[in-house]
Amino acid sequence: MAFQQIKYLLSQTPTLAYYEPNMRVSVSEDASSKGLGSCLMQEKYGQRELVGYTSCTLSDTEKWYLQIEKESLALTWCTDRFHQYILGLEVTLETDHKPIIQNLQTKHIDYLTPRLQRFCLQLMRYTYSVQCVPGKQLDVVDCLSQSPLEERIQEDKHSIQSLAQTYDFQVVTSSSHYSQSNGCVEVAVKVTKSLLKKNEDISMGLLSYRTTPLGSGFSPVEMLMDRRLRSILPLLPSVLEEVVRPWLAQNIEHLQNENKCLIITEDTEFVIYWTYR
């Protein structure tokens, strides 16, 4: 009950202040073995007032990070969390981990590990300065990092489940022993996400993808149907005519001798294909 009462008091008006765009902004963060904690503060009339705070639980992989990597993760996560409040402003990032200042402000990015490089690149969109503050002055974020919320993991799970229900598909985990197959699946997922984001009408998006030439010079529909489809782009009538490839015309007799049946249809979708009898 006492902890719930503290949470209730922290969310009330005497504790939280209104955000003022013209006031100086600072973001404090802290990382523990359990999670991350952060708070957004502003200096108003010579006093620091709390505008917002948040926390999250570390994933199983993130728990194995080095402490400097956890602190860097906390900085990138908290700036992304308060993105709407600090973008375009000069913000002070406060941490109790002093080595991180050298990595973010003095050390060249080429000398950092790939993981720290990724964190530095994510912070480049902000105008910031890093300041080392004693841990006893960061009691709020320390408390948040020691007792984090599990919202980030739950949000990811709920978003995937809601997406599966919306588009009526089933989420199945794949084996890590077939990396090549996983790579093909990831490419297909990337193409599908791009189609959903860039097109309000999924049918027009699929039409554009099927009629766009690939690296081989042929579009997916040409490789499947041996002809082009009519799209929103103007095309010459001669391009839409049925075409029998030279290799197919030369091997028709050979295909028939091997008990393969050549079928020519007048259907608008399927022009030429063959199958076993």
Protein backbone atom coordinates (compact mmCIF):
# COMPACT_ATOMS: atom_id res chain seq x y z
CA MET A 1 0.00 0.00 0.00
CA ALA A 2 2.82 2.42 0.81
CA PHE A 3 4.42 1.94 -2.60
CA GLN A 4 1.08 2.46 -4.37
CA GLN A 5 0.54 5.62 -2.35
CA ILE A 6 3.95 6.95 -3.40
CA LYS A 7 3.14 6.25 -7.06
CA TYR A 8 -0.16 8.07 -6.68
CA LEU A 9 1.46 11.13 -5.08
CA LEU A 10 4.15 11.28 -7.76
CA SER A 11 1.52 11.56 -10.48
CA GLN A 12 -0.37 14.45 -8.91
CA THR A 13 -0.12 18.15 -9.79
CA PRO A 14 2.10 19.33 -6.89
CA THR A 15 4.78 16.87 -8.04
CA LEU A 16 4.55 17.05 -11.84
CA ALA A 17 4.93 20.43 -13.54
CA TYR A 18 3.71 21.62 -16.92
CA TYR A 19 6.19 21.56 -19.78
CA GLU A 20 7.48 24.95 -20.90
CA PRO A 21 9.26 25.02 -24.32
CA ASN A 22 11.22 28.17 -23.41
CA MET A 23 12.73 26.72 -20.23
CA ARG A 24 15.99 24.78 -19.98
CA VAL A 25 15.51 21.02 -20.32
CA SER A 26 17.52 18.22 -18.71
CA VAL A 27 17.04 14.47 -18.86
CA SER A 28 18.38 12.21 -16.10
CA GLU A 29 18.89 8.48 -16.55
CA ASP A 30 20.11 5.47 -14.65
CA ALA A 31 20.58 1.80 -15.52
CA SER A 32 20.56 -1.16 -13.17
CA SER A 33 20.70 -4.91 -13.60
CA LYS A 34 16.90 -4.98 -13.81
CA GLY A 35 15.87 -2.03 -15.93
CA LEU A 36 16.19 1.59 -17.00
CA GLY A 37 14.87 4.74 -15.37
CA SER A 38 14.61 8.30 -16.65
CA CYS A 39 12.97 11.61 -15.85
CA LEU A 40 12.51 14.91 -17.68
CA MET A 41 13.16 18.05 -15.63
CA GLN A 42 13.12 21.81 -16.24
CA GLU A 43 14.60 24.74 -14.38
CA LYS A 44 11.84 27.21 -13.50
CA TYR A 45 12.50 30.28 -11.36
CA GLY A 46 15.76 28.82 -10.07
CA GLN A 47 14.26 25.45 -9.12
CA ARG A 48 14.28 22.09 -10.87
CA GLU A 49 10.79 20.73 -11.44
CA LEU A 50 9.83 17.25 -12.59
CA VAL A 51 7.89 17.18 -15.86
CA GLY A 52 7.74 13.44 -16.55
CA TYR A 53 9.37 10.14 -15.70
CA THR A 54 9.39 6.63 -17.12
CA SER A 55 11.04 3.24 -16.73
CA CYS A 56 11.27 -0.09 -18.51
CA THR A 57 12.53 -3.61 -17.95
CA LEU A 58 15.66 -4.88 -19.66
CA SER A 59 15.33 -7.83 -21.99
CA ASP A 60 17.24 -11.05 -21.38
CA THR A 61 19.86 -10.00 -23.93
CA GLU A 62 20.24 -6.47 -22.56
CA LYS A 63 20.85 -7.79 -19.06
CA TRP A 64 24.17 -9.19 -20.33
CA TYR A 65 25.36 -5.78 -21.54
CA LEU A 66 28.37 -4.14 -19.93
CA GLN A 67 27.52 -1.32 -17.54
CA ILE A 68 28.72 1.35 -19.98
CA GLU A 69 26.52 -0.24 -22.66
CA LYS A 70 23.53 -0.22 -20.30
CA GLU A 71 24.11 3.45 -19.55
CA SER A 72 24.38 4.24 -23.26
CA LEU A 73 21.22 2.26 -23.90
CA ALA A 74 19.49 4.26 -21.17
CA LEU A 75 20.51 7.54 -22.83
CA THR A 76 19.23 6.52 -26.25
CA TRP A 77 16.06 5.05 -24.80
CA CYS A 78 15.19 8.07 -22.64
CA THR A 79 15.84 10.57 -25.45
CA ASP A 80 13.61 8.55 -27.73
CA ARG A 81 11.00 8.39 -24.99
CA PHE A 82 10.99 12.19 -24.56
CA HIS A 83 11.55 12.83 -28.26
CA GLN A 84 8.69 15.32 -28.62
CA TYR A 85 9.98 17.44 -25.74
CA ILE A 86 13.69 17.71 -26.60
CA LEU A 87 13.96 17.58 -30.40
CA GLY A 88 15.43 20.84 -31.69
CA LEU A 89 16.38 22.08 -28.21
CA GLU A 90 19.64 22.10 -26.31
CA VAL A 91 19.25 19.39 -23.71
CA THR A 92 21.51 18.28 -20.86
CA LEU A 93 21.79 14.52 -20.32
CA GLU A 94 22.63 13.62 -16.72
CA THR A 95 24.25 10.34 -15.73
CA ASP A 96 26.23 8.99 -12.80
CA HIS A 97 28.53 6.93 -15.07
CA LYS A 98 31.53 9.13 -15.82
CA PRO A 99 33.25 6.97 -18.54
CA ILE A 100 30.29 7.49 -20.83
CA ILE A 101 31.15 11.18 -21.22
CA GLN A 102 34.42 10.32 -22.96
CA ASN A 103 32.69 7.94 -25.35
CA LEU A 104 29.98 10.40 -26.37
CA GLN A 105 31.94 13.68 -26.47
CA THR A 106 35.68 13.16 -26.88
CA LYS A 107 36.38 9.68 -28.29
CA HIS A 108 36.09 9.23 -32.06
CA ILE A 109 33.22 7.02 -33.11
CA ASP A 110 35.56 4.71 -35.08
CA TYR A 111 37.21 3.60 -31.82
CA LEU A 112 33.94 2.48 -30.21
CA THR A 113 32.46 -0.98 -30.29
CA PRO A 114 29.68 -1.59 -32.85
CA ARG A 115 27.02 -1.51 -30.14
CA LEU A 116 28.23 1.81 -28.73
CA GLN A 117 28.53 3.18 -32.27
CA ARG A 118 24.88 2.38 -32.82
CA PHE A 119 23.90 4.22 -29.65
CA CYS A 120 25.99 7.26 -30.64
CA LEU A 121 24.41 7.37 -34.09
CA GLN A 122 20.93 7.35 -32.54
CA LEU A 123 21.84 10.36 -30.39
CA MET A 124 23.13 12.42 -33.33
CA ARG A 125 19.68 13.83 -34.10
CA TYR A 126 19.68 15.72 -30.78
CA THR A 127 21.66 18.74 -29.59
CA TYR A 128 22.91 17.55 -26.23
CA SER A 129 25.69 17.72 -23.66
CA VAL A 130 26.46 14.98 -21.15
CA GLN A 131 26.99 15.88 -17.51
CA CYS A 132 28.17 13.58 -14.73
CA VAL A 133 26.05 13.91 -11.60
CA PRO A 134 26.67 12.06 -8.30
CA GLY A 135 24.39 9.09 -7.85
CA LYS A 136 22.93 10.45 -4.59
CA GLN A 137 21.43 13.35 -6.57
CA LEU A 138 19.71 10.97 -9.02
CA ASP A 139 17.52 9.28 -6.45
CA VAL A 140 14.37 9.43 -8.60
CA VAL A 141 15.82 7.64 -11.63
CA ASP A 142 17.69 5.23 -9.36
CA CYS A 143 14.40 4.19 -7.79
CA LEU A 144 12.78 3.83 -11.21
CA SER A 145 15.60 1.65 -12.56
CA GLN A 146 15.53 -0.62 -9.50
CA SER A 147 11.75 -1.15 -9.76
CA PRO A 148 11.05 -0.83 -13.49
CA LEU A 149 7.80 -1.34 -15.29
CA GLU A 150 7.38 -4.23 -17.72
CA GLU A 151 5.57 -2.08 -20.24
CA ARG A 152 8.11 -2.28 -23.07
CA ILE A 153 8.01 -6.08 -23.30
CA GLN A 154 4.24 -6.14 -22.91
CA GLU A 155 3.80 -3.45 -25.58
CA ASP A 156 5.80 -5.50 -28.09
CA LYS A 157 3.77 -8.62 -27.37
CA HIS A 158 0.43 -6.80 -27.59
CA SER A 159 1.40 -5.01 -30.82
CA ILE A 160 2.34 -8.29 -32.52
CA GLN A 161 -0.82 -10.00 -31.33
CA SER A 162 -3.06 -7.14 -32.44
CA LEU A 163 -1.36 -7.05 -35.85
CA ALA A 164 -1.90 -10.80 -36.24
CA GLN A 165 -5.59 -10.43 -35.38
CA THR A 166 -6.05 -7.50 -37.74
CA TYR A 167 -4.52 -9.20 -40.78
CA ASP A 168 -5.60 -12.72 -39.80
CA PHE A 169 -2.25 -14.52 -39.70
CA GLN A 170 -0.55 -16.79 -37.18
CA VAL A 171 2.78 -15.97 -35.51
CA VAL A 172 5.15 -18.97 -35.56
CA THR A 173 8.76 -18.84 -34.41
CA SER A 174 11.35 -20.30 -36.78
CA SER A 175 14.42 -22.37 -36.07
CA SER A 176 17.82 -20.69 -35.92
CA HIS A 177 19.45 -23.67 -37.64
CA TYR A 178 18.26 -22.57 -41.09
CA SER A 179 19.80 -19.13 -41.44
CA GLN A 180 19.37 -18.97 -45.22
CA SER A 181 15.64 -19.64 -44.98
CA ASN A 182 15.33 -17.10 -42.19
CA GLY A 183 17.05 -14.55 -44.40
CA CYS A 184 14.53 -15.13 -47.19
CA VAL A 185 11.67 -14.75 -44.73
CA GLU A 186 13.13 -11.51 -43.38
CA VAL A 187 13.36 -10.10 -46.92
CA ALA A 188 9.75 -11.04 -47.57
CA VAL A 189 8.67 -9.41 -44.31
CA LYS A 190 10.63 -6.26 -45.18
CA VAL A 191 8.94 -6.02 -48.59
CA THR A 192 5.51 -6.60 -47.03
CA LYS A 193 6.06 -3.89 -44.40
CA SER A 194 7.18 -1.46 -47.09
CA LEU A 195 4.04 -2.15 -49.11
CA LEU A 196 1.78 -1.63 -46.10
CA LYS A 197 3.47 1.63 -45.09
CA LYS A 198 3.69 3.25 -48.53
CA ASN A 199 0.27 2.28 -49.94
CA GLU A 200 -3.16 2.95 -48.54
CA ASP A 201 -4.58 0.47 -51.07
CA ILE A 202 -2.74 -2.84 -50.72
CA SER A 203 -4.00 -3.98 -54.14
CA MET A 204 -2.25 -1.07 -55.87
CA GLY A 205 0.88 -1.77 -53.85
CA LEU A 206 0.93 -5.40 -54.95
CA LEU A 207 0.34 -4.34 -58.56
CA SER A 208 3.29 -1.94 -58.43
CA TYR A 209 5.54 -4.57 -56.90
CA ARG A 210 4.58 -7.24 -59.43
CA THR A 211 5.15 -4.95 -62.41
CA THR A 212 8.48 -3.46 -61.25
CA PRO A 213 11.56 -5.03 -62.92
CA LEU A 214 13.98 -6.79 -60.59
CA GLY A 215 17.75 -7.09 -60.86
CA SER A 216 17.39 -9.64 -63.68
CA GLY A 217 15.53 -7.08 -65.82
CA PHE A 218 12.20 -8.92 -65.58
CA SER A 219 9.35 -8.19 -63.21
CA PRO A 220 7.84 -10.92 -61.00
CA VAL A 221 4.78 -11.14 -63.22
CA GLU A 222 6.94 -11.53 -66.35
CA MET A 223 8.81 -14.45 -64.79
CA LEU A 224 5.51 -16.06 -63.77
CA MET A 225 3.21 -15.28 -66.75
CA ASP A 226 5.71 -14.55 -69.51
CA ARG A 227 4.13 -11.19 -70.24
CA ARG A 228 3.54 -7.80 -68.65
CA LEU A 229 0.47 -6.58 -66.81
CA ARG A 230 -1.35 -3.32 -67.41
CA SER A 231 -0.60 -0.92 -64.55
CA ILE A 232 -1.18 2.73 -63.73
CA LEU A 233 1.84 3.64 -65.86
CA PRO A 234 1.12 4.06 -69.59
CA LEU A 235 2.50 1.21 -71.75
CA LEU A 236 2.57 0.54 -75.45
CA PRO A 237 -0.01 -2.04 -76.62
CA SER A 238 2.78 -4.12 -78.15
CA VAL A 239 4.34 -4.61 -74.74
CA LEU A 240 1.16 -6.27 -73.41
CA GLU A 241 1.00 -8.89 -76.18
CA GLU A 242 1.58 -12.55 -75.43
CA VAL A 243 5.16 -13.57 -76.02
CA VAL A 244 6.60 -17.04 -76.32
CA ARG A 245 10.21 -17.06 -75.26
CA PRO A 246 12.66 -18.46 -77.84
CA TRP A 247 13.90 -21.18 -75.49
CA LEU A 248 10.31 -22.32 -74.94
CA ALA A 249 9.46 -22.32 -78.63
CA GLN A 250 12.52 -24.40 -79.44
CA ASN A 251 11.83 -26.97 -76.73
CA ILE A 252 8.09 -27.50 -77.18
CA GLU A 253 8.63 -30.81 -78.97
CA HIS A 254 11.16 -31.91 -76.36
CA LEU A 255 8.75 -31.10 -73.56
CA GLN A 256 5.96 -33.04 -75.21
CA ASN A 257 8.22 -36.07 -75.62
CA GLU A 258 8.93 -36.03 -71.88
CA ASN A 259 5.21 -36.36 -71.10
CA LYS A 260 4.88 -32.65 -70.33
CA CYS A 261 1.78 -30.93 -71.61
CA LEU A 262 2.04 -27.39 -72.98
CA ILE A 263 -1.09 -25.38 -72.22
CA ILE A 264 -1.88 -22.09 -73.90
CA THR A 265 -4.86 -20.24 -72.47
CA GLU A 266 -6.63 -17.00 -73.26
CA ASP A 267 -7.02 -16.12 -69.63
CA THR A 268 -5.97 -12.60 -68.64
CA GLU A 269 -3.75 -13.85 -65.86
CA PHE A 270 -2.22 -17.11 -67.05
CA VAL A 271 -0.80 -17.17 -70.56
CA ILE A 272 1.62 -20.06 -70.90
CA TYR A 273 2.61 -22.82 -68.52
CA TRP A 274 3.13 -26.54 -68.58
CA THR A 275 2.61 -29.36 -66.13
CA TYR A 276 2.94 -33.12 -65.87
CA ARG A 277 0.09 -35.22 -67.17
